[in-house]
Amino acid sequence: MCKAIIDQSVYIMETINDIDVVTIQGGSLLEHPFHSITYRVRCEKCGDVESEKHTLSLTQGVTEVASVQCATCGHVQMVKIRNPRRN
């Protein structure tokens, strides 16, 4: 029984590793409907999160959304969204 549980958990981990996941750099993902995402900008330096929500249609590859400056610490960063899947 223990071997079956181990085999099953290895299979689950391999399946998770094979899934292409939409990721965001410089933001916090809030919602991910089929062809769009909703996110908030999050500072990579101090962790401050904007209150404003942004929605973007997804395209395959890396999308550079915007260059933003943190209102708290002044750090300038690029918000990037990575979508490895075809829509």
PDB file of N, CA and C in Angstrom:
ATOM      1  N   MET A   1       0.817  -1.189   0.000  1.00  0.00           N
ATOM      2  CA  MET A   1       0.000   0.000   0.000  1.00  0.00           C
ATOM      3  C   MET A   1       0.867   1.261   0.000  1.00  0.00           C
ATOM      4  N   CYS A   2       1.953   1.263   0.717  1.00  0.00           N
ATOM      5  CA  CYS A   2       2.836   2.429   0.759  1.00  0.00           C
ATOM      6  C   CYS A   2       3.440   2.699  -0.615  1.00  0.00           C
ATOM      7  N   LYS A   3       3.840   1.631  -1.333  1.00  0.00           N
ATOM      8  CA  LYS A   3       4.415   1.812  -2.663  1.00  0.00           C
ATOM      9  C   LYS A   3       3.407   2.446  -3.608  1.00  0.00           C
ATOM     10  N   ALA A   4       2.146   2.049  -3.513  1.00  0.00           N
ATOM     11  CA  ALA A   4       1.108   2.620  -4.377  1.00  0.00           C
ATOM     12  C   ALA A   4       0.946   4.115  -4.108  1.00  0.00           C
ATOM     13  N   ILE A   5       0.991   4.511  -2.861  1.00  0.00           N
ATOM     14  CA  ILE A   5       0.866   5.928  -2.515  1.00  0.00           C
ATOM     15  C   ILE A   5       2.063   6.704  -3.054  1.00  0.00           C
ATOM     16  N   ILE A   6       3.261   6.147  -2.907  1.00  0.00           N
ATOM     17  CA  ILE A   6       4.464   6.810  -3.418  1.00  0.00           C
ATOM     18  C   ILE A   6       4.394   6.925  -4.931  1.00  0.00           C
ATOM     19  N   ASP A   7       4.010   5.817  -5.625  1.00  0.00           N
ATOM     20  CA  ASP A   7       3.903   5.846  -7.083  1.00  0.00           C
ATOM     21  C   ASP A   7       2.889   6.890  -7.534  1.00  0.00           C
ATOM     22  N   GLN A   8       1.770   6.979  -6.825  1.00  0.00           N
ATOM     23  CA  GLN A   8       0.726   7.933  -7.180  1.00  0.00           C
ATOM     24  C   GLN A   8       1.210   9.372  -6.981  1.00  0.00           C
ATOM     25  N   SER A   9       1.919   9.653  -5.890  1.00  0.00           N
ATOM     26  CA  SER A   9       2.400  11.012  -5.652  1.00  0.00           C
ATOM     27  C   SER A   9       3.464  11.398  -6.675  1.00  0.00           C
ATOM     28  N   VAL A  10       4.310  10.464  -7.099  1.00  0.00           N
ATOM     29  CA  VAL A  10       5.303  10.755  -8.135  1.00  0.00           C
ATOM     30  C   VAL A  10       4.592  11.085  -9.438  1.00  0.00           C
ATOM     31  N   TYR A  11       3.530  10.329  -9.771  1.00  0.00           N
ATOM     32  CA  TYR A  11       2.758  10.590 -10.992  1.00  0.00           C
ATOM     33  C   TYR A  11       2.120  11.979 -10.936  1.00  0.00           C
ATOM     34  N   ILE A  12       1.550  12.333  -9.802  1.00  0.00           N
ATOM     35  CA  ILE A  12       0.925  13.650  -9.649  1.00  0.00           C
ATOM     36  C   ILE A  12       1.970  14.747  -9.818  1.00  0.00           C
ATOM     37  N   MET A  13       3.143  14.605  -9.204  1.00  0.00           N
ATOM     38  CA  MET A  13       4.188  15.615  -9.330  1.00  0.00           C
ATOM     39  C   MET A  13       4.657  15.737 -10.783  1.00  0.00           C
ATOM     40  N   GLU A  14       4.802  14.613 -11.493  1.00  0.00           N
ATOM     41  CA  GLU A  14       5.214  14.664 -12.893  1.00  0.00           C
ATOM     42  C   GLU A  14       4.151  15.372 -13.726  1.00  0.00           C
ATOM     43  N   THR A  15       2.876  15.108 -13.435  1.00  0.00           N
ATOM     44  CA  THR A  15       1.788  15.752 -14.160  1.00  0.00           C
ATOM     45  C   THR A  15       1.806  17.256 -13.916  1.00  0.00           C
ATOM     46  N   ILE A  16       1.995  17.676 -12.674  1.00  0.00           N
ATOM     47  CA  ILE A  16       2.055  19.102 -12.349  1.00  0.00           C
ATOM     48  C   ILE A  16       3.224  19.759 -13.062  1.00  0.00           C
ATOM     49  N   ASN A  17       4.372  19.091 -13.121  1.00  0.00           N
ATOM     50  CA  ASN A  17       5.543  19.662 -13.780  1.00  0.00           C
ATOM     51  C   ASN A  17       5.350  19.789 -15.290  1.00  0.00           C
ATOM     52  N   ASP A  18       4.482  18.964 -15.893  1.00  0.00           N
ATOM     53  CA  ASP A  18       4.243  19.007 -17.334  1.00  0.00           C
ATOM     54  C   ASP A  18       3.228  20.082 -17.726  1.00  0.00           C
ATOM     55  N   ILE A  19       2.470  20.612 -16.778  1.00  0.00           N
ATOM     56  CA  ILE A  19       1.441  21.598 -17.080  1.00  0.00           C
ATOM     57  C   ILE A  19       2.082  22.954 -17.326  1.00  0.00           C
ATOM     58  N   ASP A  20       1.665  23.618 -18.398  1.00  0.00           N
ATOM     59  CA  ASP A  20       2.140  24.969 -18.677  1.00  0.00           C
ATOM     60  C   ASP A  20       1.296  25.947 -17.881  1.00  0.00           C
ATOM     61  N   VAL A  21       1.937  26.808 -17.126  1.00  0.00           N
ATOM     62  CA  VAL A  21       1.240  27.705 -16.212  1.00  0.00           C
ATOM     63  C   VAL A  21       1.486  29.151 -16.615  1.00  0.00           C
ATOM     64  N   VAL A  22       0.430  29.962 -16.563  1.00  0.00           N
ATOM     65  CA  VAL A  22       0.571  31.394 -16.796  1.00  0.00           C
ATOM     66  C   VAL A  22       1.227  31.995 -15.564  1.00  0.00           C
ATOM     67  N   THR A  23       2.312  32.743 -15.749  1.00  0.00           N
ATOM     68  CA  THR A  23       3.005  33.362 -14.624  1.00  0.00           C
ATOM     69  C   THR A  23       3.098  34.861 -14.850  1.00  0.00           C
ATOM     70  N   ILE A  24       3.257  35.589 -13.762  1.00  0.00           N
ATOM     71  CA  ILE A  24       3.379  37.041 -13.833  1.00  0.00           C
ATOM     72  C   ILE A  24       4.577  37.477 -12.999  1.00  0.00           C
ATOM     73  N   GLN A  25       5.366  38.387 -13.564  1.00  0.00           N
ATOM     74  CA  GLN A  25       6.507  38.972 -12.857  1.00  0.00           C
ATOM     75  C   GLN A  25       6.160  40.429 -12.590  1.00  0.00           C
ATOM     76  N   GLY A  26       6.246  40.854 -11.344  1.00  0.00           N
ATOM     77  CA  GLY A  26       5.936  42.235 -10.998  1.00  0.00           C
ATOM     78  C   GLY A  26       4.472  42.471 -10.716  1.00  0.00           C
ATOM     79  N   GLY A  27       3.750  41.392 -10.392  1.00  0.00           N
ATOM     80  CA  GLY A  27       2.327  41.532 -10.109  1.00  0.00           C
ATOM     81  C   GLY A  27       1.788  40.336  -9.359  1.00  0.00           C
ATOM     82  N   SER A  28       0.536  40.435  -8.927  1.00  0.00           N
ATOM     83  CA  SER A  28      -0.154  39.344  -8.247  1.00  0.00           C
ATOM     84  C   SER A  28      -1.347  38.936  -9.096  1.00  0.00           C
ATOM     85  N   LEU A  29      -1.403  37.674  -9.488  1.00  0.00           N
ATOM     86  CA  LEU A  29      -2.483  37.158 -10.308  1.00  0.00           C
ATOM     87  C   LEU A  29      -3.742  37.017  -9.461  1.00  0.00           C
ATOM     88  N   LEU A  30      -4.846  37.628  -9.894  1.00  0.00           N
ATOM     89  CA  LEU A  30      -6.105  37.561  -9.156  1.00  0.00           C
ATOM     90  C   LEU A  30      -7.065  36.563  -9.785  1.00  0.00           C
ATOM     91  N   GLU A  31      -7.271  36.653 -11.093  1.00  0.00           N
ATOM     92  CA  GLU A  31      -8.199  35.768 -11.809  1.00  0.00           C
ATOM     93  C   GLU A  31      -7.560  35.352 -13.124  1.00  0.00           C
ATOM     94  N   HIS A  32      -7.927  34.145 -13.585  1.00  0.00           N
ATOM     95  CA  HIS A  32      -7.406  33.652 -14.853  1.00  0.00           C
ATOM     96  C   HIS A  32      -8.505  32.929 -15.610  1.00  0.00           C
ATOM     97  N   PRO A  33      -9.485  33.702 -16.154  1.00  0.00           N
ATOM     98  CA  PRO A  33     -10.453  33.072 -17.053  1.00  0.00           C
ATOM     99  C   PRO A  33      -9.719  32.570 -18.298  1.00  0.00           C
ATOM    100  N   PHE A  34     -10.407  31.963 -19.207  1.00  0.00           N
ATOM    101  CA  PHE A  34      -9.788  31.248 -20.325  1.00  0.00           C
ATOM    102  C   PHE A  34      -8.824  32.088 -21.156  1.00  0.00           C
ATOM    103  N   HIS A  35      -9.218  33.265 -21.641  1.00  0.00           N
ATOM    104  CA  HIS A  35      -8.370  34.032 -22.558  1.00  0.00           C
ATOM    105  C   HIS A  35      -7.860  35.348 -21.983  1.00  0.00           C
ATOM    106  N   SER A  36      -8.024  35.581 -20.688  1.00  0.00           N
ATOM    107  CA  SER A  36      -7.561  36.837 -20.096  1.00  0.00           C
ATOM    108  C   SER A  36      -7.138  36.599 -18.652  1.00  0.00           C
ATOM    109  N   ILE A  37      -6.451  37.579 -18.078  1.00  0.00           N
ATOM    110  CA  ILE A  37      -6.105  37.516 -16.663  1.00  0.00           C
ATOM    111  C   ILE A  37      -6.400  38.860 -16.016  1.00  0.00           C
ATOM    112  N   THR A  38      -6.642  38.825 -14.731  1.00  0.00           N
ATOM    113  CA  THR A  38      -6.782  40.037 -13.938  1.00  0.00           C
ATOM    114  C   THR A  38      -5.677  40.004 -12.892  1.00  0.00           C
ATOM    115  N   TYR A  39      -4.974  41.120 -12.738  1.00  0.00           N
ATOM    116  CA  TYR A  39      -3.834  41.161 -11.823  1.00  0.00           C
ATOM    117  C   TYR A  39      -3.719  42.532 -11.176  1.00  0.00           C
ATOM    118  N   ARG A  40      -2.922  42.600 -10.142  1.00  0.00           N
ATOM    119  CA  ARG A  40      -2.530  43.861  -9.510  1.00  0.00           C
ATOM    120  C   ARG A  40      -1.011  43.954  -9.562  1.00  0.00           C
ATOM    121  N   VAL A  41      -0.500  45.169  -9.754  1.00  0.00           N
ATOM    122  CA  VAL A  41       0.951  45.381  -9.769  1.00  0.00           C
ATOM    123  C   VAL A  41       1.476  45.265  -8.334  1.00  0.00           C
ATOM    124  N   ARG A  42       2.560  44.488  -8.170  1.00  0.00           N
ATOM    125  CA  ARG A  42       3.196  44.294  -6.869  1.00  0.00           C
ATOM    126  C   ARG A  42       4.672  44.636  -7.006  1.00  0.00           C
ATOM    127  N   CYS A  43       5.174  45.475  -6.112  1.00  0.00           N
ATOM    128  CA  CYS A  43       6.581  45.877  -6.153  1.00  0.00           C
ATOM    129  C   CYS A  43       7.476  44.694  -5.781  1.00  0.00           C
ATOM    130  N   GLU A  44       8.486  44.432  -6.614  1.00  0.00           N
ATOM    131  CA  GLU A  44       9.413  43.335  -6.346  1.00  0.00           C
ATOM    132  C   GLU A  44      10.397  43.681  -5.235  1.00  0.00           C
ATOM    133  N   LYS A  45      10.545  44.975  -4.937  1.00  0.00           N
ATOM    134  CA  LYS A  45      11.510  45.397  -3.920  1.00  0.00           C
ATOM    135  C   LYS A  45      10.879  45.441  -2.525  1.00  0.00           C
ATOM    136  N   CYS A  46       9.759  46.157  -2.366  1.00  0.00           N
ATOM    137  CA  CYS A  46       9.169  46.330  -1.026  1.00  0.00           C
ATOM    138  C   CYS A  46       7.894  45.504  -0.809  1.00  0.00           C
ATOM    139  N   GLY A  47       7.321  44.940  -1.887  1.00  0.00           N
ATOM    140  CA  GLY A  47       6.141  44.090  -1.753  1.00  0.00           C
ATOM    141  C   GLY A  47       4.819  44.839  -1.736  1.00  0.00           C
ATOM    142  N   ASP A  48       4.840  46.157  -1.898  1.00  0.00           N
ATOM    143  CA  ASP A  48       3.608  46.948  -1.908  1.00  0.00           C
ATOM    144  C   ASP A  48       2.744  46.546  -3.106  1.00  0.00           C
ATOM    145  N   VAL A  49       1.425  46.416  -2.892  1.00  0.00           N
ATOM    146  CA  VAL A  49       0.496  46.019  -3.944  1.00  0.00           C
ATOM    147  C   VAL A  49      -0.457  47.171  -4.239  1.00  0.00           C
ATOM    148  N   GLU A  50      -0.606  47.515  -5.538  1.00  0.00           N
ATOM    149  CA  GLU A  50      -1.551  48.550  -5.951  1.00  0.00           C
ATOM    150  C   GLU A  50      -2.974  48.105  -5.674  1.00  0.00           C
ATOM    151  N   SER A  51      -3.860  49.046  -5.425  1.00  0.00           N
ATOM    152  CA  SER A  51      -5.264  48.693  -5.215  1.00  0.00           C
ATOM    153  C   SER A  51      -6.003  48.520  -6.545  1.00  0.00           C
ATOM    154  N   GLU A  52      -5.484  49.132  -7.599  1.00  0.00           N
ATOM    155  CA  GLU A  52      -6.134  49.068  -8.914  1.00  0.00           C
ATOM    156  C   GLU A  52      -5.934  47.701  -9.561  1.00  0.00           C
ATOM    157  N   LYS A  53      -7.024  47.148 -10.143  1.00  0.00           N
ATOM    158  CA  LYS A  53      -6.957  45.876 -10.865  1.00  0.00           C
ATOM    159  C   LYS A  53      -6.768  46.159 -12.355  1.00  0.00           C
ATOM    160  N   HIS A  54      -5.998  45.283 -13.023  1.00  0.00           N
ATOM    161  CA  HIS A  54      -5.764  45.395 -14.461  1.00  0.00           C
ATOM    162  C   HIS A  54      -6.200  44.087 -15.116  1.00  0.00           C
ATOM    163  N   THR A  55      -6.824  44.174 -16.295  1.00  0.00           N
ATOM    164  CA  THR A  55      -7.222  42.989 -17.047  1.00  0.00           C
ATOM    165  C   THR A  55      -6.536  43.028 -18.405  1.00  0.00           C
ATOM    166  N   LEU A  56      -6.055  41.864 -18.846  1.00  0.00           N
ATOM    167  CA  LEU A  56      -5.291  41.782 -20.083  1.00  0.00           C
ATOM    168  C   LEU A  56      -5.679  40.520 -20.837  1.00  0.00           C
ATOM    169  N   SER A  57      -5.844  40.638 -22.162  1.00  0.00           N
ATOM    170  CA  SER A  57      -6.053  39.464 -23.006  1.00  0.00           C
ATOM    171  C   SER A  57      -4.719  38.751 -23.174  1.00  0.00           C
ATOM    172  N   LEU A  58      -4.747  37.431 -23.095  1.00  0.00           N
ATOM    173  CA  LEU A  58      -3.511  36.651 -23.177  1.00  0.00           C
ATOM    174  C   LEU A  58      -3.104  36.381 -24.613  1.00  0.00           C
ATOM    175  N   THR A  59      -1.812  36.443 -24.873  1.00  0.00           N
ATOM    176  CA  THR A  59      -1.224  35.991 -26.124  1.00  0.00           C
ATOM    177  C   THR A  59      -0.131  35.000 -25.761  1.00  0.00           C
ATOM    178  N   GLN A  60       0.264  34.168 -26.712  1.00  0.00           N
ATOM    179  CA  GLN A  60       1.301  33.183 -26.417  1.00  0.00           C
ATOM    180  C   GLN A  60       2.650  33.864 -26.300  1.00  0.00           C
ATOM    181  N   GLY A  61       3.465  33.419 -25.366  1.00  0.00           N
ATOM    182  CA  GLY A  61       4.796  33.958 -25.171  1.00  0.00           C
ATOM    183  C   GLY A  61       4.842  34.907 -23.987  1.00  0.00           C
ATOM    184  N   VAL A  62       5.821  35.797 -23.997  1.00  0.00           N
ATOM    185  CA  VAL A  62       5.996  36.755 -22.902  1.00  0.00           C
ATOM    186  C   VAL A  62       5.474  38.112 -23.371  1.00  0.00           C
ATOM    187  N   THR A  63       4.598  38.693 -22.572  1.00  0.00           N
ATOM    188  CA  THR A  63       4.054  40.016 -22.862  1.00  0.00           C
ATOM    189  C   THR A  63       4.584  41.001 -21.833  1.00  0.00           C
ATOM    190  N   GLU A  64       5.278  42.029 -22.297  1.00  0.00           N
ATOM    191  CA  GLU A  64       5.719  43.092 -21.395  1.00  0.00           C
ATOM    192  C   GLU A  64       4.577  44.093 -21.319  1.00  0.00           C
ATOM    193  N   VAL A  65       3.919  44.147 -20.165  1.00  0.00           N
ATOM    194  CA  VAL A  65       2.707  44.936 -20.016  1.00  0.00           C
ATOM    195  C   VAL A  65       3.030  46.406 -19.828  1.00  0.00           C
ATOM    196  N   ALA A  66       3.869  46.713 -18.852  1.00  0.00           N
ATOM    197  CA  ALA A  66       4.132  48.117 -18.543  1.00  0.00           C
ATOM    198  C   ALA A  66       5.378  48.244 -17.687  1.00  0.00           C
ATOM    199  N   SER A  67       5.958  49.418 -17.753  1.00  0.00           N
ATOM    200  CA  SER A  67       7.022  49.775 -16.820  1.00  0.00           C
ATOM    201  C   SER A  67       6.364  50.643 -15.759  1.00  0.00           C
ATOM    202  N   VAL A  68       6.470  50.237 -14.499  1.00  0.00           N
ATOM    203  CA  VAL A  68       5.773  50.946 -13.416  1.00  0.00           C
ATOM    204  C   VAL A  68       6.760  51.365 -12.330  1.00  0.00           C
ATOM    205  N   GLN A  69       6.391  52.427 -11.622  1.00  0.00           N
ATOM    206  CA  GLN A  69       7.189  52.893 -10.504  1.00  0.00           C
ATOM    207  C   GLN A  69       6.364  52.740  -9.236  1.00  0.00           C
ATOM    208  N   CYS A  70       6.955  52.138  -8.214  1.00  0.00           N
ATOM    209  CA  CYS A  70       6.275  51.922  -6.935  1.00  0.00           C
ATOM    210  C   CYS A  70       6.046  53.272  -6.245  1.00  0.00           C
ATOM    211  N   ALA A  71       4.824  53.498  -5.772  1.00  0.00           N
ATOM    212  CA  ALA A  71       4.486  54.737  -5.076  1.00  0.00           C
ATOM    213  C   ALA A  71       5.128  54.794  -3.685  1.00  0.00           C
ATOM    214  N   THR A  72       5.452  53.628  -3.113  1.00  0.00           N
ATOM    215  CA  THR A  72       6.007  53.569  -1.761  1.00  0.00           C
ATOM    216  C   THR A  72       7.517  53.787  -1.738  1.00  0.00           C
ATOM    217  N   CYS A  73       8.252  53.006  -2.560  1.00  0.00           N
ATOM    218  CA  CYS A  73       9.722  53.065  -2.483  1.00  0.00           C
ATOM    219  C   CYS A  73      10.381  53.660  -3.727  1.00  0.00           C
ATOM    220  N   GLY A  74       9.627  53.876  -4.803  1.00  0.00           N
ATOM    221  CA  GLY A  74      10.180  54.472  -6.016  1.00  0.00           C
ATOM    222  C   GLY A  74      10.858  53.497  -6.964  1.00  0.00           C
ATOM    223  N   HIS A  75      10.851  52.203  -6.650  1.00  0.00           N
ATOM    224  CA  HIS A  75      11.475  51.173  -7.490  1.00  0.00           C
ATOM    225  C   HIS A  75      10.758  51.098  -8.843  1.00  0.00           C
ATOM    226  N   VAL A  76      11.522  51.106  -9.941  1.00  0.00           N
ATOM    227  CA  VAL A  76      10.959  50.997 -11.289  1.00  0.00           C
ATOM    228  C   VAL A  76      11.142  49.560 -11.766  1.00  0.00           C
ATOM    229  N   GLN A  77      10.075  48.957 -12.269  1.00  0.00           N
ATOM    230  CA  GLN A  77      10.139  47.564 -12.723  1.00  0.00           C
ATOM    231  C   GLN A  77       9.234  47.362 -13.926  1.00  0.00           C
ATOM    232  N   MET A  78       9.474  46.273 -14.649  1.00  0.00           N
ATOM    233  CA  MET A  78       8.664  45.888 -15.795  1.00  0.00           C
ATOM    234  C   MET A  78       7.704  44.784 -15.357  1.00  0.00           C
ATOM    235  N   VAL A  79       6.438  44.917 -15.704  1.00  0.00           N
ATOM    236  CA  VAL A  79       5.464  43.859 -15.450  1.00  0.00           C
ATOM    237  C   VAL A  79       5.445  42.970 -16.682  1.00  0.00           C
ATOM    238  N   LYS A  80       5.686  41.661 -16.496  1.00  0.00           N
ATOM    239  CA  LYS A  80       5.724  40.711 -17.608  1.00  0.00           C
ATOM    240  C   LYS A  80       4.790  39.547 -17.308  1.00  0.00           C
ATOM    241  N   ILE A  81       4.082  39.092 -18.339  1.00  0.00           N
ATOM    242  CA  ILE A  81       3.177  37.948 -18.211  1.00  0.00           C
ATOM    243  C   ILE A  81       3.640  36.890 -19.192  1.00  0.00           C
ATOM    244  N   ARG A  82       3.792  35.661 -18.707  1.00  0.00           N
ATOM    245  CA  ARG A  82       4.248  34.551 -19.535  1.00  0.00           C
ATOM    246  C   ARG A  82       3.102  33.570 -19.718  1.00  0.00           C
ATOM    247  N   ASN A  83       2.742  33.319 -20.978  1.00  0.00           N
ATOM    248  CA  ASN A  83       1.694  32.358 -21.307  1.00  0.00           C
ATOM    249  C   ASN A  83       2.260  31.353 -22.311  1.00  0.00           C
ATOM    250  N   PRO A  84       2.645  30.171 -21.849  1.00  0.00           N
ATOM    251  CA  PRO A  84       3.252  29.194 -22.745  1.00  0.00           C
ATOM    252  C   PRO A  84       2.252  28.480 -23.647  1.00  0.00           C
ATOM    253  N   ARG A  85       0.954  28.569 -23.333  1.00  0.00           N
ATOM    254  CA  ARG A  85      -0.074  27.853 -24.101  1.00  0.00           C
ATOM    255  C   ARG A  85      -0.595  28.675 -25.258  1.00  0.00           C
ATOM    256  N   ARG A  86      -1.106  27.971 -26.255  1.00  0.00           N
ATOM    257  CA  ARG A  86      -1.810  28.651 -27.350  1.00  0.00           C
ATOM    258  C   ARG A  86      -3.250  28.829 -26.934  1.00  0.00           C
ATOM    259  N   ASN A  87      -3.807  29.988 -27.232  1.00  0.00           N
ATOM    260  CA  ASN A  87      -5.206  30.277 -26.861  1.00  0.00           C
ATOM    261  C   ASN A  87      -6.163  29.663 -27.853  1.00  0.00           C
TER     262      ASN A  87
END
